């Protein structure tokens, strides 16, 4: 097996729209072993993008969300799961929903709660958001963080951080109506 070069990564991105960190990649800020990248994903019901080999104790999910229309009730934006919607620790790692034009709900497996959630009020006139959800090791403690448009809206220590294998990534899950919108600049570090 030859070296993984920057040209290989560029070629792979050009062919598949996916980036992976190779052997040459240096990761100083975390112990994540790789990443995937998509320029644009249309959100639709049951839209399984891929199955990640795992999501580790440290991860980061970042994307730009462009909302065409909000609708009423809960709508799925992006959902990482070991299988199923809810009820088992690891079925929302994380998941993002909108509830009408009232709030964005971000849920994940935190401190033994498989549906640890943060509801962030939104302005119905705003249709674009940058969302970052991460968990990182800091001074021997795992911290779960949520930022929206560059503002920290949640930082909590996760005393039950786990590695989850065979994680399905949906852009619009099969359990809720899909939000009418698109995701751009989607990056998943795992």
N, C-alpha and C. Protein backbone atom coordinates (compact mmCIF):
# COMPACT_ATOMS: atom_id res chain seq x y z
N UNK A 1 0.84 -1.18 0.00
CA UNK A 1 0.00 0.00 0.00
C UNK A 1 0.89 1.24 0.00
N UNK A 2 0.63 2.17 -0.91
CA UNK A 2 1.43 3.38 -1.03
C UNK A 2 1.02 4.44 -0.03
N UNK A 3 1.74 5.54 -0.07
CA UNK A 3 1.43 6.67 0.81
C UNK A 3 0.14 7.34 0.36
N UNK A 4 -0.58 7.86 1.32
CA UNK A 4 -1.79 8.64 1.05
C UNK A 4 -1.33 10.09 0.93
N UNK A 5 -1.46 10.67 -0.23
CA UNK A 5 -0.97 12.02 -0.46
C UNK A 5 -2.12 13.01 -0.57
N UNK A 6 -1.79 14.28 -0.56
CA UNK A 6 -2.78 15.33 -0.72
C UNK A 6 -3.48 15.20 -2.07
N UNK A 7 -2.72 14.79 -3.12
CA UNK A 7 -3.34 14.61 -4.43
C UNK A 7 -4.38 13.49 -4.40
N UNK A 8 -4.08 12.42 -3.64
CA UNK A 8 -5.05 11.33 -3.49
C UNK A 8 -6.32 11.85 -2.84
N UNK A 9 -6.15 12.67 -1.80
CA UNK A 9 -7.31 13.21 -1.09
C UNK A 9 -8.13 14.11 -2.02
N UNK A 10 -7.44 14.96 -2.80
CA UNK A 10 -8.15 15.82 -3.75
C UNK A 10 -8.90 14.99 -4.78
N UNK A 11 -8.27 13.94 -5.30
CA UNK A 11 -8.90 13.06 -6.28
C UNK A 11 -10.12 12.38 -5.67
N UNK A 12 -9.97 11.90 -4.44
CA UNK A 12 -11.08 11.22 -3.77
C UNK A 12 -12.25 12.19 -3.58
N UNK A 13 -11.96 13.43 -3.17
CA UNK A 13 -13.02 14.41 -2.98
C UNK A 13 -13.71 14.71 -4.31
N UNK A 14 -12.92 14.83 -5.37
CA UNK A 14 -13.47 15.12 -6.69
C UNK A 14 -14.39 13.99 -7.16
N UNK A 15 -13.98 12.76 -6.94
CA UNK A 15 -14.76 11.62 -7.41
C UNK A 15 -15.98 11.33 -6.55
N UNK A 16 -15.84 11.45 -5.24
CA UNK A 16 -16.89 11.00 -4.34
C UNK A 16 -17.54 12.09 -3.50
N UNK A 17 -16.96 13.28 -3.46
CA UNK A 17 -17.50 14.33 -2.60
C UNK A 17 -17.25 14.03 -1.14
N UNK A 18 -16.28 13.16 -0.84
CA UNK A 18 -15.99 12.74 0.53
C UNK A 18 -14.51 12.93 0.79
N UNK A 19 -14.19 13.46 1.95
CA UNK A 19 -12.79 13.56 2.36
C UNK A 19 -12.57 12.65 3.56
N UNK A 20 -11.42 12.03 3.59
CA UNK A 20 -11.03 11.22 4.74
C UNK A 20 -9.64 11.65 5.16
N UNK A 21 -9.40 11.67 6.45
CA UNK A 21 -8.05 11.95 6.91
C UNK A 21 -7.21 10.71 6.65
N UNK A 22 -6.10 10.89 6.02
CA UNK A 22 -5.22 9.77 5.70
C UNK A 22 -4.07 9.66 6.68
N UNK A 23 -3.13 8.79 6.36
CA UNK A 23 -1.98 8.56 7.23
C UNK A 23 -1.16 9.82 7.44
N UNK A 24 -1.14 10.70 6.45
CA UNK A 24 -0.32 11.91 6.54
C UNK A 24 -0.98 13.00 7.37
N UNK A 25 -2.27 12.87 7.65
CA UNK A 25 -2.99 13.92 8.37
C UNK A 25 -2.48 14.02 9.80
N UNK A 26 -2.33 15.23 10.26
CA UNK A 26 -1.91 15.45 11.64
C UNK A 26 -3.09 16.02 12.40
N UNK A 27 -3.41 15.45 13.52
CA UNK A 27 -4.52 15.90 14.33
C UNK A 27 -3.98 16.25 15.70
N UNK A 28 -3.94 17.51 15.99
CA UNK A 28 -3.40 17.97 17.26
C UNK A 28 -4.52 18.21 18.25
N UNK A 29 -5.65 18.72 17.75
CA UNK A 29 -6.71 19.15 18.65
C UNK A 29 -7.55 18.02 19.24
N UNK A 30 -7.52 16.82 18.66
CA UNK A 30 -8.30 15.71 19.20
C UNK A 30 -7.69 14.39 18.77
N UNK A 31 -8.31 13.32 19.23
CA UNK A 31 -7.83 11.99 18.84
C UNK A 31 -8.74 11.37 17.79
N UNK A 32 -9.58 12.17 17.14
CA UNK A 32 -10.42 11.66 16.06
C UNK A 32 -9.51 11.09 14.98
N UNK A 33 -9.94 9.97 14.40
CA UNK A 33 -9.06 9.29 13.45
C UNK A 33 -9.34 9.61 12.00
N UNK A 34 -10.46 10.23 11.71
CA UNK A 34 -10.78 10.52 10.32
C UNK A 34 -11.95 11.47 10.22
N UNK A 35 -12.28 11.84 8.97
CA UNK A 35 -13.44 12.68 8.77
C UNK A 35 -14.01 12.45 7.39
N UNK A 36 -15.27 12.84 7.25
CA UNK A 36 -15.96 12.84 5.98
C UNK A 36 -16.49 14.24 5.74
N UNK A 37 -16.59 14.62 4.47
CA UNK A 37 -17.03 15.96 4.11
C UNK A 37 -17.97 15.88 2.90
N UNK A 38 -19.05 16.65 2.96
CA UNK A 38 -19.98 16.79 1.84
C UNK A 38 -20.22 18.28 1.60
N UNK A 39 -20.22 18.70 0.34
CA UNK A 39 -20.49 20.10 0.02
C UNK A 39 -21.97 20.42 0.18
N UNK A 40 -22.84 19.49 -0.24
CA UNK A 40 -24.28 19.76 -0.19
C UNK A 40 -25.04 18.45 -0.05
N UNK A 41 -26.02 18.45 0.86
CA UNK A 41 -26.91 17.31 1.04
C UNK A 41 -28.33 17.85 1.14
N UNK A 42 -29.23 17.33 0.32
CA UNK A 42 -30.64 17.70 0.41
C UNK A 42 -31.27 16.84 1.51
N UNK A 43 -31.95 17.49 2.43
CA UNK A 43 -32.62 16.78 3.52
C UNK A 43 -33.90 16.16 2.97
N UNK A 44 -34.07 14.86 3.20
CA UNK A 44 -35.30 14.18 2.77
C UNK A 44 -35.56 13.00 3.70
N UNK A 45 -36.79 12.56 3.78
CA UNK A 45 -37.19 11.50 4.69
C UNK A 45 -36.43 10.20 4.45
N UNK A 46 -35.82 9.66 5.51
CA UNK A 46 -35.11 8.38 5.43
C UNK A 46 -33.86 8.44 4.57
N UNK A 47 -33.26 9.60 4.46
CA UNK A 47 -32.08 9.79 3.61
C UNK A 47 -30.82 9.31 4.33
N UNK A 48 -30.53 8.01 4.20
CA UNK A 48 -29.34 7.42 4.80
C UNK A 48 -28.13 7.81 3.96
N UNK A 49 -27.26 8.62 4.51
CA UNK A 49 -26.08 9.10 3.79
C UNK A 49 -24.99 8.04 3.80
N UNK A 50 -24.74 7.45 4.95
CA UNK A 50 -23.72 6.40 5.06
C UNK A 50 -23.77 5.79 6.44
N UNK A 51 -23.02 4.70 6.61
CA UNK A 51 -22.80 4.12 7.94
C UNK A 51 -21.35 4.34 8.28
N UNK A 52 -21.12 5.14 9.31
CA UNK A 52 -19.76 5.39 9.80
C UNK A 52 -19.27 4.16 10.53
N UNK A 53 -17.97 3.86 10.49
CA UNK A 53 -17.47 2.72 11.25
C UNK A 53 -17.71 2.88 12.75
N UNK A 54 -17.65 4.12 13.21
CA UNK A 54 -17.92 4.42 14.62
C UNK A 54 -17.96 5.93 14.82
N UNK A 55 -18.47 6.32 15.98
CA UNK A 55 -18.28 7.68 16.50
C UNK A 55 -17.62 7.46 17.85
N UNK A 56 -16.47 8.05 18.03
CA UNK A 56 -15.70 7.85 19.25
C UNK A 56 -16.14 8.75 20.39
N UNK A 57 -15.40 8.66 21.48
CA UNK A 57 -15.68 9.52 22.63
C UNK A 57 -15.43 10.98 22.28
N UNK A 58 -14.55 11.21 21.30
CA UNK A 58 -14.33 12.55 20.77
C UNK A 58 -14.86 12.58 19.34
N UNK A 59 -15.65 13.59 19.03
CA UNK A 59 -16.18 13.74 17.68
C UNK A 59 -16.57 15.19 17.46
N UNK A 60 -16.82 15.51 16.20
CA UNK A 60 -17.35 16.84 15.87
C UNK A 60 -18.21 16.71 14.63
N UNK A 61 -19.38 17.30 14.68
CA UNK A 61 -20.30 17.38 13.55
C UNK A 61 -20.55 18.87 13.31
N UNK A 62 -20.23 19.34 12.11
CA UNK A 62 -20.41 20.75 11.79
C UNK A 62 -21.07 20.87 10.42
N UNK A 63 -22.00 21.81 10.29
CA UNK A 63 -22.68 22.00 9.01
C UNK A 63 -23.38 23.35 8.98
N UNK A 64 -23.66 23.79 7.76
CA UNK A 64 -24.51 24.96 7.55
C UNK A 64 -25.89 24.44 7.18
N UNK A 65 -26.90 24.99 7.80
CA UNK A 65 -28.28 24.60 7.56
C UNK A 65 -29.00 25.75 6.86
N UNK A 66 -29.57 25.46 5.69
CA UNK A 66 -30.36 26.44 4.96
C UNK A 66 -31.80 25.93 4.94
N UNK A 67 -32.69 26.66 5.59
CA UNK A 67 -34.08 26.25 5.73
C UNK A 67 -34.92 26.92 4.65
N UNK A 68 -35.64 26.09 3.87
CA UNK A 68 -36.54 26.62 2.85
C UNK A 68 -37.86 27.01 3.49
N UNK A 69 -38.42 26.09 4.31
CA UNK A 69 -39.62 26.39 5.09
C UNK A 69 -39.61 25.53 6.35
N UNK A 70 -40.20 26.07 7.42
CA UNK A 70 -40.13 25.41 8.72
C UNK A 70 -41.17 24.30 8.90
N UNK A 71 -42.39 24.50 8.47
CA UNK A 71 -43.45 23.55 8.77
C UNK A 71 -43.84 23.64 10.23
N UNK A 72 -44.74 22.75 10.67
CA UNK A 72 -45.15 22.76 12.08
C UNK A 72 -44.76 21.44 12.73
N UNK A 73 -44.57 21.45 14.02
CA UNK A 73 -44.15 20.25 14.74
C UNK A 73 -42.67 19.95 14.51
N UNK A 74 -42.27 18.73 14.92
CA UNK A 74 -40.87 18.33 14.79
C UNK A 74 -40.54 17.90 13.37
N UNK A 75 -39.35 18.32 12.90
CA UNK A 75 -38.82 17.92 11.61
C UNK A 75 -37.36 17.53 11.78
N UNK A 76 -36.98 16.43 11.15
CA UNK A 76 -35.61 15.92 11.25
C UNK A 76 -34.67 16.69 10.33
N UNK A 77 -33.50 17.03 10.87
CA UNK A 77 -32.46 17.70 10.09
C UNK A 77 -31.33 16.70 9.81
N UNK A 78 -30.69 16.22 10.87
CA UNK A 78 -29.59 15.25 10.75
C UNK A 78 -29.65 14.35 11.99
N UNK A 79 -29.34 13.07 11.80
CA UNK A 79 -29.51 12.11 12.89
C UNK A 79 -28.45 11.02 12.75
N UNK A 80 -27.64 10.86 13.78
CA UNK A 80 -26.65 9.78 13.86
C UNK A 80 -27.17 8.77 14.88
N UNK A 81 -27.21 7.49 14.50
CA UNK A 81 -27.81 6.48 15.35
C UNK A 81 -27.14 5.12 15.18
N UNK A 82 -27.15 4.34 16.24
CA UNK A 82 -26.69 2.95 16.16
C UNK A 82 -27.81 2.05 15.66
N UNK A 83 -28.96 2.63 15.38
CA UNK A 83 -30.13 1.90 14.89
C UNK A 83 -31.34 2.27 15.71
N UNK A 84 -32.35 2.79 15.09
CA UNK A 84 -33.55 3.19 15.82
C UNK A 84 -33.54 4.67 16.16
N UNK A 85 -34.69 5.13 16.60
CA UNK A 85 -34.90 6.54 16.85
C UNK A 85 -34.51 6.97 18.26
N UNK A 86 -34.99 6.22 19.25
CA UNK A 86 -34.87 6.69 20.63
C UNK A 86 -35.14 5.53 21.57
N UNK A 87 -34.55 5.58 22.73
CA UNK A 87 -34.84 4.58 23.76
C UNK A 87 -33.62 3.83 24.22
N UNK A 88 -32.58 3.78 23.39
CA UNK A 88 -31.34 3.11 23.75
C UNK A 88 -30.22 4.12 23.64
N UNK A 89 -29.34 4.14 24.63
CA UNK A 89 -28.19 5.05 24.63
C UNK A 89 -27.38 4.82 23.37
N UNK A 90 -27.27 5.82 22.54
CA UNK A 90 -26.56 5.70 21.27
C UNK A 90 -27.46 5.85 20.06
N UNK A 91 -28.74 6.01 20.27
CA UNK A 91 -29.64 6.17 19.13
C UNK A 91 -29.80 7.63 18.70
N UNK A 92 -29.21 8.53 19.46
CA UNK A 92 -29.14 9.94 19.06
C UNK A 92 -27.75 10.44 19.47
N UNK A 93 -26.81 10.41 18.51
CA UNK A 93 -25.41 10.73 18.84
C UNK A 93 -24.75 11.59 17.76
N UNK A 94 -25.15 12.73 17.50
CA UNK A 94 -26.32 13.46 17.95
C UNK A 94 -27.46 13.39 16.94
N UNK A 95 -28.54 14.10 17.25
CA UNK A 95 -29.66 14.29 16.33
C UNK A 95 -30.09 15.75 16.44
N UNK A 96 -30.48 16.32 15.31
CA UNK A 96 -30.93 17.72 15.28
C UNK A 96 -32.30 17.77 14.63
N UNK A 97 -33.20 18.51 15.28
CA UNK A 97 -34.57 18.68 14.80
C UNK A 97 -34.93 20.16 14.85
N UNK A 98 -35.94 20.55 14.09
CA UNK A 98 -36.57 21.85 14.31
C UNK A 98 -37.96 21.56 14.85
N UNK A 99 -38.48 22.47 15.62
CA UNK A 99 -39.87 22.40 16.07
C UNK A 99 -40.54 23.66 15.57
N UNK A 100 -41.23 23.51 14.43
CA UNK A 100 -41.82 24.67 13.78
C UNK A 100 -40.75 25.73 13.57
N UNK A 101 -41.13 26.97 13.73
CA UNK A 101 -40.17 28.08 13.68
C UNK A 101 -39.87 28.56 15.09
N UNK A 102 -40.09 27.65 16.08
CA UNK A 102 -39.89 28.01 17.49
C UNK A 102 -38.46 27.77 17.97
N UNK A 103 -37.93 26.57 17.70
CA UNK A 103 -36.59 26.26 18.20
C UNK A 103 -35.95 25.13 17.41
N UNK A 104 -34.62 25.09 17.52
CA UNK A 104 -33.83 23.96 17.04
C UNK A 104 -33.55 23.11 18.26
N UNK A 105 -33.80 21.81 18.14
CA UNK A 105 -33.53 20.88 19.24
C UNK A 105 -32.33 20.01 18.87
N UNK A 106 -31.34 20.00 19.75
CA UNK A 106 -30.15 19.19 19.54
C UNK A 106 -30.08 18.19 20.68
N UNK A 107 -30.02 16.90 20.32
CA UNK A 107 -30.02 15.84 21.32
C UNK A 107 -28.80 14.96 21.13
N UNK A 108 -28.39 14.31 22.22
CA UNK A 108 -27.28 13.35 22.14
C UNK A 108 -27.28 12.48 23.38
N UNK A 109 -26.37 11.50 23.37
CA UNK A 109 -26.18 10.61 24.51
C UNK A 109 -25.20 11.27 25.47
N UNK A 110 -25.72 11.79 26.59
CA UNK A 110 -24.91 12.53 27.55
C UNK A 110 -25.29 12.10 28.96
N UNK A 111 -24.30 11.74 29.75
CA UNK A 111 -24.49 11.42 31.18
C UNK A 111 -25.58 10.37 31.42
N UNK A 112 -25.60 9.34 30.58
CA UNK A 112 -26.55 8.25 30.74
C UNK A 112 -27.92 8.52 30.18
N UNK A 113 -28.16 9.73 29.72
CA UNK A 113 -29.45 10.11 29.12
C UNK A 113 -29.30 10.03 27.60
N UNK A 114 -29.99 9.09 26.99
CA UNK A 114 -29.90 8.91 25.54
C UNK A 114 -30.59 10.00 24.75
N UNK A 115 -31.33 10.88 25.43
CA UNK A 115 -32.04 11.97 24.76
C UNK A 115 -31.78 13.29 25.48
N UNK A 116 -30.52 13.50 25.85
CA UNK A 116 -30.14 14.76 26.49
C UNK A 116 -30.33 15.86 25.45
N UNK A 117 -31.15 16.85 25.75
CA UNK A 117 -31.51 17.81 24.71
C UNK A 117 -31.32 19.25 25.14
N UNK A 118 -31.11 20.06 24.12
CA UNK A 118 -31.03 21.51 24.28
C UNK A 118 -31.92 22.12 23.22
N UNK A 119 -32.90 22.90 23.65
CA UNK A 119 -33.78 23.63 22.74
C UNK A 119 -33.27 25.06 22.62
N UNK A 120 -32.97 25.47 21.40
CA UNK A 120 -32.42 26.80 21.16
C UNK A 120 -33.46 27.61 20.38
N UNK A 121 -34.02 28.66 21.00
CA UNK A 121 -35.01 29.49 20.30
C UNK A 121 -34.43 30.06 19.01
N UNK A 122 -35.28 30.15 17.99
CA UNK A 122 -34.84 30.69 16.71
C UNK A 122 -35.77 31.81 16.26
N UNK A 123 -35.26 32.63 15.40
CA UNK A 123 -36.03 33.72 14.79
C UNK A 123 -36.60 33.18 13.47
N UNK A 124 -37.92 33.16 13.31
CA UNK A 124 -38.50 32.61 12.08
C UNK A 124 -38.08 33.35 10.80
N UNK A 125 -37.54 34.55 10.95
CA UNK A 125 -37.06 35.30 9.78
C UNK A 125 -35.67 34.82 9.34
N UNK A 126 -34.96 34.14 10.22
CA UNK A 126 -33.61 33.65 9.90
C UNK A 126 -33.73 32.26 9.28
N UNK A 127 -33.10 32.05 8.15
CA UNK A 127 -33.21 30.78 7.44
C UNK A 127 -31.88 30.04 7.34
N UNK A 128 -30.79 30.65 7.83
CA UNK A 128 -29.48 30.01 7.72
C UNK A 128 -28.79 29.97 9.08
N UNK A 129 -28.23 28.80 9.38
CA UNK A 129 -27.55 28.59 10.66
C UNK A 129 -26.27 27.79 10.42
N UNK A 130 -25.26 28.07 11.22
CA UNK A 130 -24.06 27.23 11.26
C UNK A 130 -24.10 26.51 12.61
N UNK A 131 -24.09 25.19 12.56
CA UNK A 131 -24.22 24.39 13.78
C UNK A 131 -22.98 23.51 13.95
N UNK A 132 -22.41 23.52 15.16
CA UNK A 132 -21.30 22.64 15.52
C UNK A 132 -21.65 21.92 16.81
N UNK A 133 -21.54 20.59 16.75
CA UNK A 133 -21.79 19.75 17.91
C UNK A 133 -20.52 18.92 18.11
N UNK A 134 -19.97 18.97 19.30
CA UNK A 134 -18.71 18.26 19.51
C UNK A 134 -18.62 17.68 20.91
N UNK A 135 -17.72 16.74 21.02
CA UNK A 135 -17.36 16.20 22.32
C UNK A 135 -15.86 16.02 22.31
N UNK A 136 -15.20 16.59 23.30
CA UNK A 136 -13.75 16.54 23.31
C UNK A 136 -13.21 16.35 24.72
N UNK A 137 -12.01 15.80 24.77
CA UNK A 137 -11.32 15.55 26.04
C UNK A 137 -10.56 16.81 26.43
N UNK A 138 -10.85 17.31 27.60
CA UNK A 138 -10.22 18.51 28.10
C UNK A 138 -9.90 18.32 29.57
N UNK A 139 -8.63 18.32 29.92
CA UNK A 139 -8.19 18.06 31.28
C UNK A 139 -8.81 16.79 31.86
N UNK A 140 -8.69 15.71 31.09
CA UNK A 140 -9.15 14.37 31.49
C UNK A 140 -10.66 14.26 31.71
N UNK A 141 -11.41 15.17 31.14
CA UNK A 141 -12.88 15.11 31.20
C UNK A 141 -13.42 15.31 29.79
N UNK A 142 -14.50 14.58 29.46
CA UNK A 142 -15.14 14.74 28.16
C UNK A 142 -16.21 15.82 28.26
N UNK A 143 -16.14 16.79 27.34
CA UNK A 143 -17.07 17.90 27.32
C UNK A 143 -17.90 17.86 26.04
N UNK A 144 -19.20 17.89 26.20
CA UNK A 144 -20.16 17.94 25.09
C UNK A 144 -20.52 19.41 24.88
N UNK A 145 -20.36 19.90 23.64
CA UNK A 145 -20.56 21.31 23.34
C UNK A 145 -21.46 21.49 22.12
N UNK A 146 -22.25 22.54 22.16
CA UNK A 146 -23.08 22.92 21.02
C UNK A 146 -22.89 24.41 20.78
N UNK A 147 -22.55 24.76 19.53
CA UNK A 147 -22.43 26.15 19.10
C UNK A 147 -23.37 26.38 17.93
N UNK A 148 -24.06 27.51 17.94
CA UNK A 148 -24.90 27.89 16.82
C UNK A 148 -24.49 29.30 16.40
N UNK A 149 -24.14 29.43 15.13
CA UNK A 149 -23.67 30.70 14.58
C UNK A 149 -22.52 31.28 15.40
N UNK A 150 -21.62 30.40 15.84
CA UNK A 150 -20.43 30.83 16.56
C UNK A 150 -20.64 31.14 18.02
N UNK A 151 -21.83 30.93 18.53
CA UNK A 151 -22.14 31.22 19.93
C UNK A 151 -22.33 29.90 20.67
N UNK A 152 -21.61 29.73 21.77
CA UNK A 152 -21.77 28.54 22.59
C UNK A 152 -23.12 28.56 23.29
N UNK A 153 -23.95 27.54 23.03
CA UNK A 153 -25.26 27.49 23.67
C UNK A 153 -25.32 26.37 24.72
N UNK A 154 -24.31 25.49 24.72
CA UNK A 154 -24.27 24.41 25.70
C UNK A 154 -22.85 23.90 25.84
N UNK A 155 -22.42 23.71 27.08
CA UNK A 155 -21.16 23.04 27.39
C UNK A 155 -21.40 22.28 28.69
N UNK A 156 -21.30 20.96 28.62
CA UNK A 156 -21.55 20.14 29.80
C UNK A 156 -20.58 18.97 29.81
N UNK A 157 -20.10 18.63 30.99
CA UNK A 157 -19.24 17.46 31.11
C UNK A 157 -20.08 16.21 30.88
N UNK A 158 -19.56 15.27 30.09
CA UNK A 158 -20.26 14.01 29.84
C UNK A 158 -19.52 12.91 30.59
N UNK A 159 -20.10 12.45 31.69
CA UNK A 159 -19.49 11.41 32.52
C UNK A 159 -19.72 10.01 31.97
N UNK A 160 -20.45 9.90 30.87
CA UNK A 160 -20.73 8.60 30.26
C UNK A 160 -20.43 8.64 28.75
N UNK A 161 -19.29 9.26 28.40
CA UNK A 161 -18.88 9.30 27.00
C UNK A 161 -18.53 7.89 26.55
N UNK A 162 -19.01 7.49 25.38
CA UNK A 162 -18.77 6.14 24.86
C UNK A 162 -18.42 6.18 23.39
N UNK A 163 -17.82 5.10 22.94
CA UNK A 163 -17.60 4.88 21.51
C UNK A 163 -18.77 4.05 21.01
N UNK A 164 -19.35 4.46 19.88
CA UNK A 164 -20.48 3.76 19.29
C UNK A 164 -20.08 3.26 17.91
N UNK A 165 -20.30 1.96 17.65
CA UNK A 165 -19.91 1.35 16.38
C UNK A 165 -21.07 1.34 15.39
N UNK A 166 -20.72 1.28 14.10
CA UNK A 166 -21.70 1.16 13.01
C UNK A 166 -22.81 2.20 13.13
N UNK A 167 -22.43 3.45 13.02
CA UNK A 167 -23.35 4.56 13.23
C UNK A 167 -23.93 5.02 11.89
N UNK A 168 -25.23 4.97 11.78
CA UNK A 168 -25.93 5.42 10.58
C UNK A 168 -26.10 6.93 10.63
N UNK A 169 -25.84 7.57 9.50
CA UNK A 169 -25.99 9.02 9.39
C UNK A 169 -27.13 9.32 8.42
N UNK A 170 -28.15 9.98 8.93
CA UNK A 170 -29.30 10.38 8.12
C UNK A 170 -29.34 11.89 7.97
N UNK A 171 -29.69 12.37 6.79
CA UNK A 171 -30.03 13.78 6.58
C UNK A 171 -31.54 13.79 6.32
N UNK A 172 -32.29 13.77 7.41
CA UNK A 172 -33.72 13.52 7.38
C UNK A 172 -33.93 12.06 7.74
N UNK A 173 -34.28 11.80 8.99
CA UNK A 173 -34.39 10.40 9.43
C UNK A 173 -35.72 9.78 9.02
N UNK A 174 -35.88 8.46 9.18
CA UNK A 174 -37.14 7.81 8.78
C UNK A 174 -38.25 7.90 9.82
N UNK A 175 -38.01 8.54 10.97
CA UNK A 175 -38.99 8.55 12.06
C UNK A 175 -39.77 9.85 12.17
N UNK A 176 -39.27 10.92 11.58
CA UNK A 176 -39.94 12.21 11.63
C UNK A 176 -40.01 12.79 10.21
N UNK A 177 -40.95 13.70 9.96
CA UNK A 177 -40.92 14.37 8.66
C UNK A 177 -39.59 15.11 8.50
N UNK A 178 -39.10 15.17 7.29
CA UNK A 178 -37.84 15.86 7.01
C UNK A 178 -38.08 17.36 6.91
N UNK A 179 -37.12 18.13 7.43
CA UNK A 179 -37.16 19.57 7.27
C UNK A 179 -36.99 19.91 5.79
N UNK A 180 -37.68 20.91 5.32
CA UNK A 180 -37.52 21.37 3.95
C UNK A 180 -36.30 22.29 3.92
N UNK A 181 -35.16 21.72 3.53
CA UNK A 181 -33.93 22.50 3.51
C UNK A 181 -32.76 21.68 3.04
N UNK A 182 -31.58 22.29 3.09
CA UNK A 182 -30.36 21.60 2.68
C UNK A 182 -29.26 21.81 3.72
N UNK A 183 -28.33 20.88 3.73
CA UNK A 183 -27.13 20.99 4.54
C UNK A 183 -25.97 21.26 3.59
N UNK A 184 -25.10 22.17 3.94
CA UNK A 184 -23.89 22.42 3.14
C UNK A 184 -22.69 22.40 4.07
N UNK A 185 -21.53 22.17 3.46
CA UNK A 185 -20.27 22.13 4.21
C UNK A 185 -20.36 21.22 5.43
N UNK A 186 -20.87 20.02 5.20
CA UNK A 186 -21.06 19.05 6.28
C UNK A 186 -19.74 18.34 6.52
N UNK A 187 -19.26 18.40 7.76
CA UNK A 187 -18.03 17.70 8.12
C UNK A 187 -18.28 16.91 9.39
N UNK A 188 -17.90 15.64 9.34
CA UNK A 188 -18.04 14.74 10.49
C UNK A 188 -16.67 14.20 10.84
N UNK A 189 -16.13 14.61 11.98
CA UNK A 189 -14.88 14.08 12.50
C UNK A 189 -15.24 12.97 13.48
N UNK A 190 -14.62 11.80 13.31
CA UNK A 190 -14.96 10.68 14.19
C UNK A 190 -13.74 10.00 14.73
